[in-house]
Amino acid sequence: MPSFRLELEILGARPGVAPPAVLDTLLGFFVAEGLHVDAHDLDVVAGTARLYVRFVVPESNDSEEDADAFVIADAARKAVDAVAVPGRVWVLRRERGTWLPARWHHPSPVVAEE
């Protein structure tokens, strides 16, 4: 199954929310959606908290897998927004042992028939 990594910058917890609840909320989203999480971590990069979640999506083709990963990342960011102020989001795909940016595949434009 294709492996992806979500990196989510956290600019701060919302008032009344303990910082550990932010990671718990993110992981709770993945569990509630029935998604498999391989690993998770928290780090501070340049003074800003960053959450990492490695997850898998069902195997299909690269375009659909990448699109699924972006949809999941957006929904995860929205879930975290309830307890924290999210910042930038990165979606990476594991390719031959290296993390590379996943590609957002826009649907082809519809060609009007004459």
PDB file of N, CA and C in Angstrom:
ATOM      1  N   MET A   1       0.843  -1.184   0.000  1.00  0.00           N
ATOM      2  CA  MET A   1       0.000   0.000   0.000  1.00  0.00           C
ATOM      3  C   MET A   1       0.888   1.247   0.000  1.00  0.00           C
ATOM      4  N   PRO A   2       0.475   2.276  -0.724  1.00  0.00           N
ATOM      5  CA  PRO A   2       1.262   3.500  -0.816  1.00  0.00           C
ATOM      6  C   PRO A   2       1.352   4.209   0.539  1.00  0.00           C
ATOM      7  N   SER A   3       2.540   4.650   0.872  1.00  0.00           N
ATOM      8  CA  SER A   3       2.795   5.306   2.151  1.00  0.00           C
ATOM      9  C   SER A   3       2.969   6.803   1.952  1.00  0.00           C
ATOM     10  N   PHE A   4       2.282   7.575   2.796  1.00  0.00           N
ATOM     11  CA  PHE A   4       2.336   9.024   2.731  1.00  0.00           C
ATOM     12  C   PHE A   4       2.695   9.576   4.100  1.00  0.00           C
ATOM     13  N   ARG A   5       3.199  10.798   4.101  1.00  0.00           N
ATOM     14  CA  ARG A   5       3.482  11.477   5.363  1.00  0.00           C
ATOM     15  C   ARG A   5       2.848  12.860   5.320  1.00  0.00           C
ATOM     16  N   LEU A   6       2.039  13.128   6.320  1.00  0.00           N
ATOM     17  CA  LEU A   6       1.464  14.449   6.514  1.00  0.00           C
ATOM     18  C   LEU A   6       2.352  15.190   7.505  1.00  0.00           C
ATOM     19  N   GLU A   7       2.772  16.387   7.129  1.00  0.00           N
ATOM     20  CA  GLU A   7       3.493  17.271   8.041  1.00  0.00           C
ATOM     21  C   GLU A   7       2.606  18.494   8.222  1.00  0.00           C
ATOM     22  N   LEU A   8       2.221  18.750   9.466  1.00  0.00           N
ATOM     23  CA  LEU A   8       1.290  19.828   9.751  1.00  0.00           C
ATOM     24  C   LEU A   8       1.897  20.774  10.777  1.00  0.00           C
ATOM     25  N   GLU A   9       2.088  22.007  10.363  1.00  0.00           N
ATOM     26  CA  GLU A   9       2.629  23.036  11.236  1.00  0.00           C
ATOM     27  C   GLU A   9       1.522  23.480  12.196  1.00  0.00           C
ATOM     28  N   ILE A  10       1.869  23.646  13.473  1.00  0.00           N
ATOM     29  CA  ILE A  10       0.911  24.108  14.474  1.00  0.00           C
ATOM     30  C   ILE A  10       1.402  25.447  15.018  1.00  0.00           C
ATOM     31  N   LEU A  11       0.612  26.487  14.790  1.00  0.00           N
ATOM     32  CA  LEU A  11       1.012  27.819  15.206  1.00  0.00           C
ATOM     33  C   LEU A  11       0.657  28.095  16.663  1.00  0.00           C
ATOM     34  N   GLY A  12      -0.237  27.299  17.230  1.00  0.00           N
ATOM     35  CA  GLY A  12      -0.588  27.451  18.637  1.00  0.00           C
ATOM     36  C   GLY A  12      -1.859  26.705  18.957  1.00  0.00           C
ATOM     37  N   ALA A  13      -1.997  26.306  20.224  1.00  0.00           N
ATOM     38  CA  ALA A  13      -3.223  25.651  20.676  1.00  0.00           C
ATOM     39  C   ALA A  13      -4.293  26.716  20.904  1.00  0.00           C
ATOM     40  N   ARG A  14      -5.537  26.349  20.705  1.00  0.00           N
ATOM     41  CA  ARG A  14      -6.647  27.262  20.974  1.00  0.00           C
ATOM     42  C   ARG A  14      -6.772  27.446  22.487  1.00  0.00           C
ATOM     43  N   PRO A  15      -7.378  28.563  22.922  1.00  0.00           N
ATOM     44  CA  PRO A  15      -7.521  28.814  24.364  1.00  0.00           C
ATOM     45  C   PRO A  15      -8.218  27.642  25.066  1.00  0.00           C
ATOM     46  N   GLY A  16      -7.638  27.237  26.187  1.00  0.00           N
ATOM     47  CA  GLY A  16      -8.210  26.163  26.985  1.00  0.00           C
ATOM     48  C   GLY A  16      -7.829  24.768  26.533  1.00  0.00           C
ATOM     49  N   VAL A  17      -7.035  24.666  25.471  1.00  0.00           N
ATOM     50  CA  VAL A  17      -6.628  23.363  24.944  1.00  0.00           C
ATOM     51  C   VAL A  17      -5.182  23.091  25.350  1.00  0.00           C
ATOM     52  N   ALA A  18      -4.962  21.964  26.005  1.00  0.00           N
ATOM     53  CA  ALA A  18      -3.603  21.564  26.370  1.00  0.00           C
ATOM     54  C   ALA A  18      -2.861  21.111  25.117  1.00  0.00           C
ATOM     55  N   PRO A  19      -1.600  21.491  24.948  1.00  0.00           N
ATOM     56  CA  PRO A  19      -0.858  21.111  23.735  1.00  0.00           C
ATOM     57  C   PRO A  19      -0.910  19.613  23.382  1.00  0.00           C
ATOM     58  N   PRO A  20      -0.839  18.673  24.341  1.00  0.00           N
ATOM     59  CA  PRO A  20      -0.903  17.260  23.942  1.00  0.00           C
ATOM     60  C   PRO A  20      -2.224  16.882  23.255  1.00  0.00           C
ATOM     61  N   ALA A  21      -3.263  17.645  23.513  1.00  0.00           N
ATOM     62  CA  ALA A  21      -4.567  17.349  22.895  1.00  0.00           C
ATOM     63  C   ALA A  21      -4.544  17.563  21.385  1.00  0.00           C
ATOM     64  N   VAL A  22      -3.615  18.379  20.908  1.00  0.00           N
ATOM     65  CA  VAL A  22      -3.547  18.646  19.464  1.00  0.00           C
ATOM     66  C   VAL A  22      -3.139  17.379  18.714  1.00  0.00           C
ATOM     67  N   LEU A  23      -2.083  16.713  19.160  1.00  0.00           N
ATOM     68  CA  LEU A  23      -1.664  15.461  18.529  1.00  0.00           C
ATOM     69  C   LEU A  23      -2.733  14.389  18.717  1.00  0.00           C
ATOM     70  N   ASP A  24      -3.345  14.343  19.901  1.00  0.00           N
ATOM     71  CA  ASP A  24      -4.415  13.374  20.144  1.00  0.00           C
ATOM     72  C   ASP A  24      -5.584  13.575  19.179  1.00  0.00           C
ATOM     73  N   THR A  25      -5.911  14.831  18.904  1.00  0.00           N
ATOM     74  CA  THR A  25      -6.994  15.133  17.963  1.00  0.00           C
ATOM     75  C   THR A  25      -6.641  14.668  16.557  1.00  0.00           C
ATOM     76  N   LEU A  26      -5.407  14.927  16.158  1.00  0.00           N
ATOM     77  CA  LEU A  26      -4.968  14.505  14.826  1.00  0.00           C
ATOM     78  C   LEU A  26      -5.025  12.988  14.690  1.00  0.00           C
ATOM     79  N   LEU A  27      -4.489  12.293  15.677  1.00  0.00           N
ATOM     80  CA  LEU A  27      -4.506  10.826  15.622  1.00  0.00           C
ATOM     81  C   LEU A  27      -5.933  10.294  15.718  1.00  0.00           C
ATOM     82  N   GLY A  28      -6.767  10.949  16.510  1.00  0.00           N
ATOM     83  CA  GLY A  28      -8.176  10.553  16.620  1.00  0.00           C
ATOM     84  C   GLY A  28      -8.901  10.654  15.294  1.00  0.00           C
ATOM     85  N   PHE A  29      -8.547  11.662  14.494  1.00  0.00           N
ATOM     86  CA  PHE A  29      -9.129  11.791  13.161  1.00  0.00           C
ATOM     87  C   PHE A  29      -8.814  10.552  12.325  1.00  0.00           C
ATOM     88  N   PHE A  30      -7.547  10.144  12.320  1.00  0.00           N
ATOM     89  CA  PHE A  30      -7.149   8.991  11.514  1.00  0.00           C
ATOM     90  C   PHE A  30      -7.864   7.720  11.979  1.00  0.00           C
ATOM     91  N   VAL A  31      -7.982   7.554  13.292  1.00  0.00           N
ATOM     92  CA  VAL A  31      -8.680   6.375  13.832  1.00  0.00           C
ATOM     93  C   VAL A  31     -10.157   6.410  13.443  1.00  0.00           C
ATOM     94  N   ALA A  32     -10.801   7.574  13.608  1.00  0.00           N
ATOM     95  CA  ALA A  32     -12.228   7.707  13.287  1.00  0.00           C
ATOM     96  C   ALA A  32     -12.505   7.428  11.814  1.00  0.00           C
ATOM     97  N   GLU A  33     -11.549   7.765  10.957  1.00  0.00           N
ATOM     98  CA  GLU A  33     -11.713   7.529   9.518  1.00  0.00           C
ATOM     99  C   GLU A  33     -11.324   6.113   9.107  1.00  0.00           C
ATOM    100  N   GLY A  34     -10.842   5.326  10.054  1.00  0.00           N
ATOM    101  CA  GLY A  34     -10.446   3.954   9.751  1.00  0.00           C
ATOM    102  C   GLY A  34      -9.166   3.868   8.940  1.00  0.00           C
ATOM    103  N   LEU A  35      -8.316   4.880   9.060  1.00  0.00           N
ATOM    104  CA  LEU A  35      -7.067   4.917   8.300  1.00  0.00           C
ATOM    105  C   LEU A  35      -5.941   4.306   9.112  1.00  0.00           C
ATOM    106  N   HIS A  36      -5.067   3.586   8.430  1.00  0.00           N
ATOM    107  CA  HIS A  36      -3.931   2.958   9.095  1.00  0.00           C
ATOM    108  C   HIS A  36      -2.800   3.968   9.262  1.00  0.00           C
ATOM    109  N   VAL A  37      -2.321   4.117  10.495  1.00  0.00           N
ATOM    110  CA  VAL A  37      -1.195   5.005  10.795  1.00  0.00           C
ATOM    111  C   VAL A  37       0.017   4.133  11.091  1.00  0.00           C
ATOM    112  N   ASP A  38       1.090   4.346  10.328  1.00  0.00           N
ATOM    113  CA  ASP A  38       2.339   3.605  10.546  1.00  0.00           C
ATOM    114  C   ASP A  38       3.172   4.213  11.667  1.00  0.00           C
ATOM    115  N   ALA A  39       3.162   5.545  11.758  1.00  0.00           N
ATOM    116  CA  ALA A  39       3.986   6.224  12.754  1.00  0.00           C
ATOM    117  C   ALA A  39       3.476   7.647  12.918  1.00  0.00           C
ATOM    118  N   HIS A  40       3.853   8.265  14.040  1.00  0.00           N
ATOM    119  CA  HIS A  40       3.540   9.673  14.259  1.00  0.00           C
ATOM    120  C   HIS A  40       4.621  10.270  15.148  1.00  0.00           C
ATOM    121  N   ASP A  41       4.758  11.589  15.061  1.00  0.00           N
ATOM    122  CA  ASP A  41       5.794  12.248  15.836  1.00  0.00           C
ATOM    123  C   ASP A  41       5.444  13.725  15.966  1.00  0.00           C
ATOM    124  N   LEU A  42       6.126  14.371  16.884  1.00  0.00           N
ATOM    125  CA  LEU A  42       6.012  15.805  17.111  1.00  0.00           C
ATOM    126  C   LEU A  42       7.430  16.353  17.185  1.00  0.00           C
ATOM    127  N   ASP A  43       7.649  17.475  16.519  1.00  0.00           N
ATOM    128  CA  ASP A  43       8.969  18.092  16.538  1.00  0.00           C
ATOM    129  C   ASP A  43       8.778  19.601  16.549  1.00  0.00           C
ATOM    130  N   VAL A  44       9.833  20.320  16.842  1.00  0.00           N
ATOM    131  CA  VAL A  44       9.821  21.778  16.749  1.00  0.00           C
ATOM    132  C   VAL A  44      10.843  22.158  15.686  1.00  0.00           C
ATOM    133  N   VAL A  45      10.364  22.849  14.659  1.00  0.00           N
ATOM    134  CA  VAL A  45      11.213  23.258  13.543  1.00  0.00           C
ATOM    135  C   VAL A  45      11.192  24.786  13.481  1.00  0.00           C
ATOM    136  N   ALA A  46      12.351  25.390  13.634  1.00  0.00           N
ATOM    137  CA  ALA A  46      12.474  26.857  13.611  1.00  0.00           C
ATOM    138  C   ALA A  46      11.486  27.505  14.577  1.00  0.00           C
ATOM    139  N   GLY A  47      11.334  26.903  15.757  1.00  0.00           N
ATOM    140  CA  GLY A  47      10.483  27.465  16.795  1.00  0.00           C
ATOM    141  C   GLY A  47       9.001  27.198  16.647  1.00  0.00           C
ATOM    142  N   THR A  48       8.616  26.405  15.653  1.00  0.00           N
ATOM    143  CA  THR A  48       7.205  26.106  15.415  1.00  0.00           C
ATOM    144  C   THR A  48       6.971  24.612  15.525  1.00  0.00           C
ATOM    145  N   ALA A  49       5.909  24.248  16.246  1.00  0.00           N
ATOM    146  CA  ALA A  49       5.573  22.832  16.394  1.00  0.00           C
ATOM    147  C   ALA A  49       5.153  22.257  15.040  1.00  0.00           C
ATOM    148  N   ARG A  50       5.565  21.020  14.813  1.00  0.00           N
ATOM    149  CA  ARG A  50       5.183  20.330  13.577  1.00  0.00           C
ATOM    150  C   ARG A  50       4.807  18.896  13.931  1.00  0.00           C
ATOM    151  N   LEU A  51       3.626  18.494  13.489  1.00  0.00           N
ATOM    152  CA  LEU A  51       3.143  17.132  13.700  1.00  0.00           C
ATOM    153  C   LEU A  51       3.389  16.324  12.434  1.00  0.00           C
ATOM    154  N   TYR A  52       3.776  15.077  12.624  1.00  0.00           N
ATOM    155  CA  TYR A  52       4.032  14.166  11.505  1.00  0.00           C
ATOM    156  C   TYR A  52       3.163  12.925  11.682  1.00  0.00           C
ATOM    157  N   VAL A  53       2.510  12.512  10.607  1.00  0.00           N
ATOM    158  CA  VAL A  53       1.758  11.260  10.624  1.00  0.00           C
ATOM    159  C   VAL A  53       2.058  10.523   9.326  1.00  0.00           C
ATOM    160  N   ARG A  54       2.525   9.298   9.460  1.00  0.00           N
ATOM    161  CA  ARG A  54       2.747   8.441   8.300  1.00  0.00           C
ATOM    162  C   ARG A  54       1.540   7.519   8.183  1.00  0.00           C
ATOM    163  N   PHE A  55       0.921   7.523   7.013  1.00  0.00           N
ATOM    164  CA  PHE A  55      -0.305   6.761   6.810  1.00  0.00           C
ATOM    165  C   PHE A  55      -0.317   6.125   5.429  1.00  0.00           C
ATOM    166  N   VAL A  56      -1.235   5.216   5.224  1.00  0.00           N
ATOM    167  CA  VAL A  56      -1.359   4.561   3.925  1.00  0.00           C
ATOM    168  C   VAL A  56      -2.742   4.833   3.354  1.00  0.00           C
ATOM    169  N   VAL A  57      -2.835   4.750   2.039  1.00  0.00           N
ATOM    170  CA  VAL A  57      -4.114   4.844   1.333  1.00  0.00           C
ATOM    171  C   VAL A  57      -4.275   3.568   0.509  1.00  0.00           C
ATOM    172  N   PRO A  58      -5.504   3.234   0.161  1.00  0.00           N
ATOM    173  CA  PRO A  58      -5.708   2.039  -0.663  1.00  0.00           C
ATOM    174  C   PRO A  58      -4.966   2.158  -1.997  1.00  0.00           C
ATOM    175  N   GLU A  59      -4.439   1.040  -2.436  1.00  0.00           N
ATOM    176  CA  GLU A  59      -3.674   1.012  -3.684  1.00  0.00           C
ATOM    177  C   GLU A  59      -4.602   1.131  -4.884  1.00  0.00           C
ATOM    178  N   SER A  60      -4.252   2.021  -5.811  1.00  0.00           N
ATOM    179  CA  SER A  60      -4.988   2.159  -7.069  1.00  0.00           C
ATOM    180  C   SER A  60      -3.980   2.566  -8.141  1.00  0.00           C
ATOM    181  N   ASN A  61      -3.851   3.858  -8.410  1.00  0.00           N
ATOM    182  CA  ASN A  61      -2.798   4.355  -9.296  1.00  0.00           C
ATOM    183  C   ASN A  61      -2.238   5.628  -8.666  1.00  0.00           C
ATOM    184  N   ASP A  62      -1.088   6.062  -9.121  1.00  0.00           N
ATOM    185  CA  ASP A  62      -0.406   7.190  -8.483  1.00  0.00           C
ATOM    186  C   ASP A  62      -1.299   8.424  -8.355  1.00  0.00           C
ATOM    187  N   SER A  63      -2.023   8.758  -9.416  1.00  0.00           N
ATOM    188  CA  SER A  63      -2.860   9.957  -9.395  1.00  0.00           C
ATOM    189  C   SER A  63      -3.943   9.860  -8.336  1.00  0.00           C
ATOM    190  N   GLU A  64      -4.638   8.747  -8.294  1.00  0.00           N
ATOM    191  CA  GLU A  64      -5.719   8.572  -7.319  1.00  0.00           C
ATOM    192  C   GLU A  64      -5.179   8.482  -5.904  1.00  0.00           C
ATOM    193  N   GLU A  65      -4.060   7.803  -5.735  1.00  0.00           N
ATOM    194  CA  GLU A  65      -3.454   7.689  -4.403  1.00  0.00           C
ATOM    195  C   GLU A  65      -3.030   9.053  -3.878  1.00  0.00           C
ATOM    196  N   ASP A  66      -2.372   9.846  -4.728  1.00  0.00           N
ATOM    197  CA  ASP A  66      -1.955  11.183  -4.324  1.00  0.00           C
ATOM    198  C   ASP A  66      -3.171  12.050  -3.998  1.00  0.00           C
ATOM    199  N   ALA A  67      -4.199  11.977  -4.843  1.00  0.00           N
ATOM    200  CA  ALA A  67      -5.412  12.764  -4.597  1.00  0.00           C
ATOM    201  C   ALA A  67      -6.056  12.352  -3.278  1.00  0.00           C
ATOM    202  N   ASP A  68      -6.118  11.051  -3.003  1.00  0.00           N
ATOM    203  CA  ASP A  68      -6.670  10.572  -1.728  1.00  0.00           C
ATOM    204  C   ASP A  68      -5.871  11.129  -0.560  1.00  0.00           C
ATOM    205  N   ALA A  69      -4.554  11.132  -0.675  1.00  0.00           N
ATOM    206  CA  ALA A  69      -3.695  11.635   0.402  1.00  0.00           C
ATOM    207  C   ALA A  69      -3.948  13.120   0.651  1.00  0.00           C
ATOM    208  N   PHE A  70      -4.150  13.908  -0.407  1.00  0.00           N
ATOM    209  CA  PHE A  70      -4.435  15.332  -0.235  1.00  0.00           C
ATOM    210  C   PHE A  70      -5.796  15.555   0.414  1.00  0.00           C
ATOM    211  N   VAL A  71      -6.779  14.764   0.043  1.00  0.00           N
ATOM    212  CA  VAL A  71      -8.106  14.879   0.662  1.00  0.00           C
ATOM    213  C   VAL A  71      -8.019  14.551   2.149  1.00  0.00           C
ATOM    214  N   ILE A  72      -7.289  13.498   2.478  1.00  0.00           N
ATOM    215  CA  ILE A  72      -7.102  13.112   3.883  1.00  0.00           C
ATOM    216  C   ILE A  72      -6.367  14.218   4.644  1.00  0.00           C
ATOM    217  N   ALA A  73      -5.321  14.762   4.047  1.00  0.00           N
ATOM    218  CA  ALA A  73      -4.545  15.820   4.714  1.00  0.00           C
ATOM    219  C   ALA A  73      -5.413  17.048   4.971  1.00  0.00           C
ATOM    220  N   ASP A  74      -6.256  17.416   4.014  1.00  0.00           N
ATOM    221  CA  ASP A  74      -7.121  18.576   4.200  1.00  0.00           C
ATOM    222  C   ASP A  74      -8.130  18.322   5.315  1.00  0.00           C
ATOM    223  N   ALA A  75      -8.720  17.142   5.337  1.00  0.00           N
ATOM    224  CA  ALA A  75      -9.683  16.802   6.393  1.00  0.00           C
ATOM    225  C   ALA A  75      -9.003  16.751   7.758  1.00  0.00           C
ATOM    226  N   ALA A  76      -7.772  16.251   7.813  1.00  0.00           N
ATOM    227  CA  ALA A  76      -7.025  16.200   9.070  1.00  0.00           C
ATOM    228  C   ALA A  76      -6.728  17.617   9.564  1.00  0.00           C
ATOM    229  N   ARG A  77      -6.349  18.498   8.654  1.00  0.00           N
ATOM    230  CA  ARG A  77      -6.095  19.890   9.025  1.00  0.00           C
ATOM    231  C   ARG A  77      -7.355  20.536   9.585  1.00  0.00           C
ATOM    232  N   LYS A  78      -8.489  20.262   8.968  1.00  0.00           N
ATOM    233  CA  LYS A  78      -9.759  20.817   9.453  1.00  0.00           C
ATOM    234  C   LYS A  78     -10.103  20.267  10.835  1.00  0.00           C
ATOM    235  N   ALA A  79      -9.813  18.997  11.089  1.00  0.00           N
ATOM    236  CA  ALA A  79     -10.069  18.407  12.408  1.00  0.00           C
ATOM    237  C   ALA A  79      -9.211  19.085  13.474  1.00  0.00           C
ATOM    238  N   VAL A  80      -7.962  19.336  13.148  1.00  0.00           N
ATOM    239  CA  VAL A  80      -7.047  19.975  14.100  1.00  0.00           C
ATOM    240  C   VAL A  80      -7.440  21.432  14.338  1.00  0.00           C
ATOM    241  N   ASP A  81      -8.037  22.068  13.342  1.00  0.00           N
ATOM    242  CA  ASP A  81      -8.435  23.469  13.454  1.00  0.00           C
ATOM    243  C   ASP A  81      -9.378  23.710  14.640  1.00  0.00           C
ATOM    244  N   ALA A  82     -10.069  22.692  15.097  1.00  0.00           N
ATOM    245  CA  ALA A  82     -10.973  22.827  16.240  1.00  0.00           C
ATOM    246  C   ALA A  82     -10.207  23.047  17.549  1.00  0.00           C
ATOM    247  N   VAL A  83      -8.958  22.589  17.617  1.00  0.00           N
ATOM    248  CA  VAL A  83      -8.195  22.657  18.873  1.00  0.00           C
ATOM    249  C   VAL A  83      -6.903  23.461  18.757  1.00  0.00           C
ATOM    250  N   ALA A  84      -6.512  23.819  17.531  1.00  0.00           N
ATOM    251  CA  ALA A  84      -5.255  24.539  17.330  1.00  0.00           C
ATOM    252  C   ALA A  84      -5.331  25.377  16.062  1.00  0.00           C
ATOM    253  N   VAL A  85      -4.365  26.259  15.923  1.00  0.00           N
ATOM    254  CA  VAL A  85      -4.255  27.068  14.710  1.00  0.00           C
ATOM    255  C   VAL A  85      -3.255  26.376  13.795  1.00  0.00           C
ATOM    256  N   PRO A  86      -3.762  25.735  12.724  1.00  0.00           N
ATOM    257  CA  PRO A  86      -2.836  25.045  11.821  1.00  0.00           C
ATOM    258  C   PRO A  86      -2.131  26.038  10.903  1.00  0.00           C
ATOM    259  N   GLY A  87      -0.921  25.676  10.529  1.00  0.00           N
ATOM    260  CA  GLY A  87      -0.146  26.476   9.583  1.00  0.00           C
ATOM    261  C   GLY A  87      -0.023  25.731   8.272  1.00  0.00           C
ATOM    262  N   ARG A  88       1.194  25.696   7.756  1.00  0.00           N
ATOM    263  CA  ARG A  88       1.432  25.035   6.470  1.00  0.00           C
ATOM    264  C   ARG A  88       1.259  23.527   6.578  1.00  0.00           C
ATOM    265  N   VAL A  89       0.925  22.934   5.439  1.00  0.00           N
ATOM    266  CA  VAL A  89       0.709  21.483   5.339  1.00  0.00           C
ATOM    267  C   VAL A  89       1.574  20.949   4.207  1.00  0.00           C
ATOM    268  N   TRP A  90       2.253  19.843   4.478  1.00  0.00           N
ATOM    269  CA  TRP A  90       3.018  19.150   3.445  1.00  0.00           C
ATOM    270  C   TRP A  90       2.488  17.734   3.346  1.00  0.00           C
ATOM    271  N   VAL A  91       2.372  17.224   2.115  1.00  0.00           N
ATOM    272  CA  VAL A  91       1.999  15.834   1.872  1.00  0.00           C
ATOM    273  C   VAL A  91       3.128  15.218   1.063  1.00  0.00           C
ATOM    274  N   LEU A  92       3.765  14.212   1.646  1.00  0.00           N
ATOM    275  CA  LEU A  92       4.898  13.548   1.007  1.00  0.00           C
ATOM    276  C   LEU A  92       4.567  12.098   0.732  1.00  0.00           C
ATOM    277  N   ARG A  93       5.122  11.569  -0.330  1.00  0.00           N
ATOM    278  CA  ARG A  93       4.912  10.177  -0.733  1.00  0.00           C
ATOM    279  C   ARG A  93       6.249   9.449  -0.673  1.00  0.00           C
ATOM    280  N   ARG A  94       6.223   8.242  -0.172  1.00  0.00           N
ATOM    281  CA  ARG A  94       7.443   7.430  -0.092  1.00  0.00           C
ATOM    282  C   ARG A  94       7.695   6.790  -1.451  1.00  0.00           C
ATOM    283  N   GLU A  95       8.840   7.108  -2.042  1.00  0.00           N
ATOM    284  CA  GLU A  95       9.230   6.556  -3.343  1.00  0.00           C
ATOM    285  C   GLU A  95      10.642   6.010  -3.235  1.00  0.00           C
ATOM    286  N   ARG A  96      10.794   4.705  -3.348  1.00  0.00           N
ATOM    287  CA  ARG A  96      12.111   4.062  -3.328  1.00  0.00           C
ATOM    288  C   ARG A  96      12.968   4.529  -2.147  1.00  0.00           C
ATOM    289  N   GLY A  97      12.365   4.574  -0.964  1.00  0.00           N
ATOM    290  CA  GLY A  97      13.112   4.916   0.233  1.00  0.00           C
ATOM    291  C   GLY A  97      13.313   6.395   0.497  1.00  0.00           C
ATOM    292  N   THR A  98      12.685   7.256  -0.320  1.00  0.00           N
ATOM    293  CA  THR A  98      12.839   8.693  -0.168  1.00  0.00           C
ATOM    294  C   THR A  98      11.460   9.349  -0.073  1.00  0.00           C
ATOM    295  N   TRP A  99      11.346  10.363   0.778  1.00  0.00           N
ATOM    296  CA  TRP A  99      10.107  11.135   0.864  1.00  0.00           C
ATOM    297  C   TRP A  99      10.134  12.243  -0.173  1.00  0.00           C
ATOM    298  N   LEU A 100       9.178  12.218  -1.097  1.00  0.00           N
ATOM    299  CA  LEU A 100       9.071  13.228  -2.149  1.00  0.00           C
ATOM    300  C   LEU A 100       7.706  13.896  -2.055  1.00  0.00           C
ATOM    301  N   PRO A 101       7.596  15.159  -2.466  1.00  0.00           N
ATOM    302  CA  PRO A 101       6.285  15.810  -2.435  1.00  0.00           C
ATOM    303  C   PRO A 101       5.286  15.046  -3.302  1.00  0.00           C
ATOM    304  N   ALA A 102       4.112  14.773  -2.726  1.00  0.00           N
ATOM    305  CA  ALA A 102       3.046  14.156  -3.521  1.00  0.00           C
ATOM    306  C   ALA A 102       2.599  15.178  -4.561  1.00  0.00           C
ATOM    307  N   ARG A 103       2.102  14.684  -5.658  1.00  0.00           N
ATOM    308  CA  ARG A 103       1.686  15.558  -6.742  1.00  0.00           C
ATOM    309  C   ARG A 103       0.169  15.691  -6.739  1.00  0.00           C
ATOM    310  N   TRP A 104      -0.288  16.929  -6.786  1.00  0.00           N
ATOM    311  CA  TRP A 104      -1.722  17.164  -6.881  1.00  0.00           C
ATOM    312  C   TRP A 104      -2.091  17.047  -8.350  1.00  0.00           C
ATOM    313  N   HIS A 105      -2.919  16.093  -8.667  1.00  0.00           N
ATOM    314  CA  HIS A 105      -3.331  15.836 -10.050  1.00  0.00           C
ATOM    315  C   HIS A 105      -4.705  16.445 -10.268  1.00  0.00           C
ATOM    316  N   HIS A 106      -4.732  17.520 -11.011  1.00  0.00           N
ATOM    317  CA  HIS A 106      -6.006  18.154 -11.311  1.00  0.00           C
ATOM    318  C   HIS A 106      -6.706  17.352 -12.405  1.00  0.00           C
ATOM    319  N   PRO A 107      -8.020  17.261 -12.307  1.00  0.00           N
ATOM    320  CA  PRO A 107      -8.727  16.547 -13.371  1.00  0.00           C
ATOM    321  C   PRO A 107      -8.541  17.251 -14.715  1.00  0.00           C
ATOM    322  N   SER A 108      -8.564  16.482 -15.757  1.00  0.00           N
ATOM    323  CA  SER A 108      -8.431  17.068 -17.097  1.00  0.00           C
ATOM    324  C   SER A 108      -9.644  17.931 -17.375  1.00  0.00           C
ATOM    325  N   PRO A 109      -9.416  19.021 -18.090  1.00  0.00           N
ATOM    326  CA  PRO A 109     -10.582  19.877 -18.431  1.00  0.00           C
ATOM    327  C   PRO A 109     -11.520  19.131 -19.369  1.00  0.00           C
ATOM    328  N   VAL A 110     -12.768  19.399 -19.195  1.00  0.00           N
ATOM    329  CA  VAL A 110     -13.774  18.771 -20.056  1.00  0.00           C
ATOM    330  C   VAL A 110     -13.726  19.469 -21.417  1.00  0.00           C
ATOM    331  N   VAL A 111     -13.638  18.693 -22.444  1.00  0.00           N
ATOM    332  CA  VAL A 111     -13.609  19.224 -23.803  1.00  0.00           C
ATOM    333  C   VAL A 111     -15.029  19.198 -24.344  1.00  0.00           C
ATOM    334  N   ALA A 112     -15.539  20.369 -24.666  1.00  0.00           N
ATOM    335  CA  ALA A 112     -16.908  20.443 -25.189  1.00  0.00           C
ATOM    336  C   ALA A 112     -16.970  19.870 -26.583  1.00  0.00           C
ATOM    337  N   GLU A 113     -17.977  19.057 -26.783  1.00  0.00           N
ATOM    338  CA  GLU A 113     -18.158  18.481 -28.126  1.00  0.00           C
ATOM    339  C   GLU A 113     -18.963  19.453 -28.967  1.00  0.00           C
ATOM    340  N   GLU A 114     -18.614  19.524 -30.230  1.00  0.00           N
ATOM    341  CA  GLU A 114     -19.318  20.445 -31.125  1.00  0.00           C
ATOM    342  C   GLU A 114     -20.435  19.737 -31.842  1.00  0.00           C
TER     343      GLU A 114
END
